[in-house]
Amino acid sequence: MIYAPGDVSRIIEMAWEDRTPFDAIAQVYGLSESGVIDLMRAQLKPSSYRLWRKRVTGRTTKHAKLRSPGVMRAYCPTQYKPRGH
């Protein structure tokens, strides 16, 4: 699939977020976990890609089925703070 630059940026942002599961990316953008991995490999520098893979490998929050049933949100409540004007 071909995504707009803004969509690619948002997918990368969601992939880096600890609490955003791959399922959420698939729901919004139709991109499977392997598709996200391919996109990240293509878009990031090799060292950044390796750092990201190391970070998300085995992380239960990136997989909705492995999450604790008590986690119902995709992000931390303090993650999106209002910005001053």
N, C-alpha and C. Protein backbone atom coordinates (compact mmCIF):
# COMPACT_ATOMS: atom_id res chain seq x y z
N MET A 1 0.84 -1.19 0.00
CA MET A 1 0.00 0.00 0.00
C MET A 1 0.88 1.25 0.00
N ILE A 2 0.34 2.30 -0.56
CA ILE A 2 1.04 3.58 -0.58
C ILE A 2 0.33 4.51 0.38
N TYR A 3 1.09 5.11 1.29
CA TYR A 3 0.54 6.00 2.30
C TYR A 3 1.05 7.42 2.07
N ALA A 4 0.24 8.38 2.45
CA ALA A 4 0.66 9.78 2.40
C ALA A 4 1.78 9.98 3.41
N PRO A 5 2.66 10.96 3.16
CA PRO A 5 3.77 11.19 4.11
C PRO A 5 3.30 11.40 5.55
N GLY A 6 2.19 12.07 5.73
CA GLY A 6 1.65 12.27 7.08
C GLY A 6 1.22 10.97 7.72
N ASP A 7 0.67 10.06 6.92
CA ASP A 7 0.27 8.76 7.44
C ASP A 7 1.49 7.92 7.82
N VAL A 8 2.52 7.97 7.00
CA VAL A 8 3.75 7.23 7.30
C VAL A 8 4.33 7.75 8.62
N SER A 9 4.35 9.06 8.78
CA SER A 9 4.85 9.65 10.01
C SER A 9 4.05 9.19 11.21
N ARG A 10 2.73 9.14 11.09
CA ARG A 10 1.87 8.72 12.19
C ARG A 10 2.05 7.23 12.49
N ILE A 11 2.20 6.41 11.47
CA ILE A 11 2.44 4.98 11.69
C ILE A 11 3.75 4.78 12.45
N ILE A 12 4.79 5.49 12.06
CA ILE A 12 6.07 5.40 12.75
C ILE A 12 5.92 5.84 14.21
N GLU A 13 5.20 6.93 14.42
CA GLU A 13 4.97 7.43 15.78
C GLU A 13 4.23 6.38 16.61
N MET A 14 3.18 5.78 16.05
CA MET A 14 2.41 4.77 16.76
C MET A 14 3.27 3.54 17.04
N ALA A 15 4.14 3.18 16.11
CA ALA A 15 5.00 2.01 16.29
C ALA A 15 5.99 2.24 17.43
N TRP A 16 6.45 3.47 17.60
CA TRP A 16 7.40 3.78 18.68
C TRP A 16 6.72 3.86 20.04
N GLU A 17 5.44 4.20 20.06
CA GLU A 17 4.72 4.34 21.33
C GLU A 17 4.60 2.99 22.02
N ASP A 18 4.95 2.94 23.28
CA ASP A 18 4.92 1.69 24.03
C ASP A 18 3.52 1.12 24.18
N ARG A 19 2.53 1.95 24.36
CA ARG A 19 1.19 1.46 24.68
C ARG A 19 0.28 1.31 23.45
N THR A 20 0.77 1.62 22.28
CA THR A 20 -0.05 1.46 21.08
C THR A 20 0.21 0.08 20.49
N PRO A 21 -0.77 -0.81 20.55
CA PRO A 21 -0.55 -2.17 20.04
C PRO A 21 -0.54 -2.19 18.50
N PHE A 22 0.09 -3.20 17.96
CA PHE A 22 0.10 -3.37 16.51
C PHE A 22 -1.32 -3.51 15.97
N ASP A 23 -2.22 -4.06 16.79
CA ASP A 23 -3.62 -4.21 16.38
C ASP A 23 -4.26 -2.85 16.09
N ALA A 24 -3.90 -1.82 16.85
CA ALA A 24 -4.45 -0.48 16.63
C ALA A 24 -3.97 0.08 15.30
N ILE A 25 -2.71 -0.16 14.96
CA ILE A 25 -2.18 0.29 13.68
C ILE A 25 -2.90 -0.43 12.55
N ALA A 26 -3.12 -1.73 12.74
CA ALA A 26 -3.82 -2.51 11.72
C ALA A 26 -5.25 -2.00 11.54
N GLN A 27 -5.91 -1.65 12.63
CA GLN A 27 -7.29 -1.17 12.55
C GLN A 27 -7.38 0.17 11.84
N VAL A 28 -6.45 1.06 12.13
CA VAL A 28 -6.50 2.40 11.55
C VAL A 28 -5.97 2.43 10.12
N TYR A 29 -4.85 1.72 9.88
CA TYR A 29 -4.17 1.83 8.59
C TYR A 29 -4.19 0.54 7.76
N GLY A 30 -4.74 -0.54 8.31
CA GLY A 30 -4.78 -1.79 7.57
C GLY A 30 -3.42 -2.43 7.37
N LEU A 31 -2.50 -2.14 8.26
CA LEU A 31 -1.12 -2.61 8.15
C LEU A 31 -0.84 -3.63 9.25
N SER A 32 -0.50 -4.86 8.88
CA SER A 32 -0.23 -5.91 9.85
C SER A 32 1.09 -5.63 10.57
N GLU A 33 1.36 -6.42 11.60
CA GLU A 33 2.62 -6.27 12.33
C GLU A 33 3.81 -6.44 11.38
N SER A 34 3.77 -7.43 10.51
CA SER A 34 4.88 -7.61 9.57
C SER A 34 4.97 -6.44 8.59
N GLY A 35 3.83 -5.85 8.24
CA GLY A 35 3.83 -4.67 7.39
C GLY A 35 4.46 -3.47 8.09
N VAL A 36 4.17 -3.33 9.38
CA VAL A 36 4.78 -2.25 10.17
C VAL A 36 6.29 -2.45 10.23
N ILE A 37 6.71 -3.68 10.45
CA ILE A 37 8.14 -3.98 10.51
C ILE A 37 8.81 -3.63 9.18
N ASP A 38 8.19 -3.99 8.06
CA ASP A 38 8.74 -3.66 6.74
C ASP A 38 8.81 -2.15 6.53
N LEU A 39 7.74 -1.44 6.93
CA LEU A 39 7.71 0.01 6.78
C LEU A 39 8.81 0.66 7.62
N MET A 40 8.96 0.20 8.85
CA MET A 40 9.99 0.76 9.73
C MET A 40 11.38 0.48 9.16
N ARG A 41 11.60 -0.70 8.63
CA ARG A 41 12.90 -1.03 8.03
C ARG A 41 13.21 -0.10 6.86
N ALA A 42 12.18 0.20 6.07
CA ALA A 42 12.37 1.04 4.88
C ALA A 42 12.54 2.52 5.23
N GLN A 43 11.88 2.97 6.30
CA GLN A 43 11.84 4.40 6.61
C GLN A 43 12.91 4.87 7.60
N LEU A 44 13.37 3.97 8.47
CA LEU A 44 14.33 4.37 9.50
C LEU A 44 15.76 4.07 9.06
N LYS A 45 16.69 4.79 9.67
CA LYS A 45 18.10 4.45 9.48
C LYS A 45 18.33 3.08 10.10
N PRO A 46 19.30 2.32 9.60
CA PRO A 46 19.53 0.97 10.13
C PRO A 46 19.70 0.92 11.65
N SER A 47 20.43 1.87 12.21
CA SER A 47 20.64 1.87 13.67
C SER A 47 19.35 2.16 14.42
N SER A 48 18.52 3.06 13.88
CA SER A 48 17.23 3.37 14.50
C SER A 48 16.29 2.19 14.41
N TYR A 49 16.32 1.49 13.28
CA TYR A 49 15.48 0.31 13.12
C TYR A 49 15.87 -0.77 14.13
N ARG A 50 17.17 -1.02 14.28
CA ARG A 50 17.62 -2.03 15.25
C ARG A 50 17.22 -1.65 16.67
N LEU A 51 17.33 -0.39 17.01
CA LEU A 51 16.93 0.09 18.33
C LEU A 51 15.43 -0.12 18.54
N TRP A 52 14.63 0.20 17.53
CA TRP A 52 13.18 0.01 17.63
C TRP A 52 12.84 -1.47 17.78
N ARG A 53 13.44 -2.34 16.97
CA ARG A 53 13.16 -3.78 17.06
C ARG A 53 13.52 -4.31 18.44
N LYS A 54 14.66 -3.88 18.97
CA LYS A 54 15.07 -4.32 20.29
C LYS A 54 14.04 -3.85 21.33
N ARG A 55 13.54 -2.65 21.15
CA ARG A 55 12.58 -2.07 22.10
C ARG A 55 11.24 -2.80 22.08
N VAL A 56 10.70 -3.14 20.91
CA VAL A 56 9.36 -3.71 20.83
C VAL A 56 9.33 -5.24 20.91
N THR A 57 10.46 -5.89 20.69
CA THR A 57 10.48 -7.35 20.74
C THR A 57 10.15 -7.83 22.15
N GLY A 58 9.10 -8.61 22.25
CA GLY A 58 8.70 -9.16 23.54
C GLY A 58 7.91 -8.22 24.43
N ARG A 59 7.65 -7.02 23.97
CA ARG A 59 6.91 -6.05 24.78
C ARG A 59 5.42 -6.40 24.74
N THR A 60 4.86 -6.74 25.88
CA THR A 60 3.47 -7.19 25.91
C THR A 60 2.49 -6.09 25.55
N THR A 61 2.84 -4.83 25.78
CA THR A 61 1.90 -3.75 25.46
C THR A 61 1.73 -3.54 23.96
N LYS A 62 2.63 -4.08 23.15
CA LYS A 62 2.52 -3.93 21.70
C LYS A 62 1.61 -4.99 21.09
N HIS A 63 1.16 -5.94 21.90
CA HIS A 63 0.30 -7.02 21.42
C HIS A 63 -0.94 -7.07 22.30
N ALA A 64 -2.08 -6.71 21.76
CA ALA A 64 -3.31 -6.61 22.53
C ALA A 64 -3.65 -7.91 23.25
N LYS A 65 -3.38 -9.04 22.64
CA LYS A 65 -3.73 -10.33 23.26
C LYS A 65 -2.85 -10.63 24.47
N LEU A 66 -1.68 -10.05 24.55
CA LEU A 66 -0.78 -10.29 25.68
C LEU A 66 -0.96 -9.29 26.80
N ARG A 67 -1.72 -8.24 26.57
CA ARG A 67 -1.92 -7.20 27.56
C ARG A 67 -2.76 -7.70 28.73
N SER A 68 -2.57 -7.04 29.83
CA SER A 68 -3.43 -7.29 30.98
C SER A 68 -4.84 -6.83 30.62
N PRO A 69 -5.88 -7.57 31.01
CA PRO A 69 -7.25 -7.16 30.68
C PRO A 69 -7.63 -5.79 31.26
N GLY A 70 -6.89 -5.33 32.26
CA GLY A 70 -7.18 -4.03 32.85
C GLY A 70 -6.74 -2.85 32.01
N VAL A 71 -5.91 -3.07 31.01
CA VAL A 71 -5.42 -1.99 30.15
C VAL A 71 -6.40 -1.82 29.00
N MET A 72 -7.17 -0.75 29.05
CA MET A 72 -8.19 -0.53 28.03
C MET A 72 -7.85 0.63 27.10
N ARG A 73 -6.76 1.31 27.35
CA ARG A 73 -6.41 2.47 26.54
C ARG A 73 -5.13 2.20 25.76
N ALA A 74 -4.89 3.01 24.76
CA ALA A 74 -3.70 2.82 23.93
C ALA A 74 -2.56 3.74 24.33
N TYR A 75 -2.82 4.69 25.22
CA TYR A 75 -1.76 5.60 25.60
C TYR A 75 -1.92 6.02 27.05
N CYS A 76 -0.86 6.51 27.60
CA CYS A 76 -0.85 7.00 28.97
C CYS A 76 -1.67 8.29 29.05
N PRO A 77 -2.48 8.48 30.10
CA PRO A 77 -3.31 9.69 30.19
C PRO A 77 -2.51 10.99 30.15
N THR A 78 -1.25 10.96 30.56
CA THR A 78 -0.43 12.18 30.55
C THR A 78 0.39 12.33 29.27
N GLN A 79 0.23 11.41 28.33
CA GLN A 79 1.04 11.44 27.11
C GLN A 79 0.73 12.67 26.25
N TYR A 80 -0.52 12.99 26.11
CA TYR A 80 -0.91 14.12 25.26
C TYR A 80 -1.31 15.28 26.12
N LYS A 81 -0.35 16.07 26.51
CA LYS A 81 -0.58 17.20 27.39
C LYS A 81 -0.98 18.42 26.55
N PRO A 82 -1.89 19.24 27.09
CA PRO A 82 -2.24 20.47 26.35
C PRO A 82 -1.01 21.37 26.23
N ARG A 83 -0.86 21.95 25.09
CA ARG A 83 0.29 22.83 24.85
C ARG A 83 -0.14 24.28 24.99
N GLY A 84 0.75 25.07 25.55
CA GLY A 84 0.49 26.50 25.70
C GLY A 84 0.53 27.20 24.36
N HIS A 85 -0.18 28.28 24.26
CA HIS A 85 -0.24 29.02 22.98
C HIS A 85 0.77 30.11 22.94
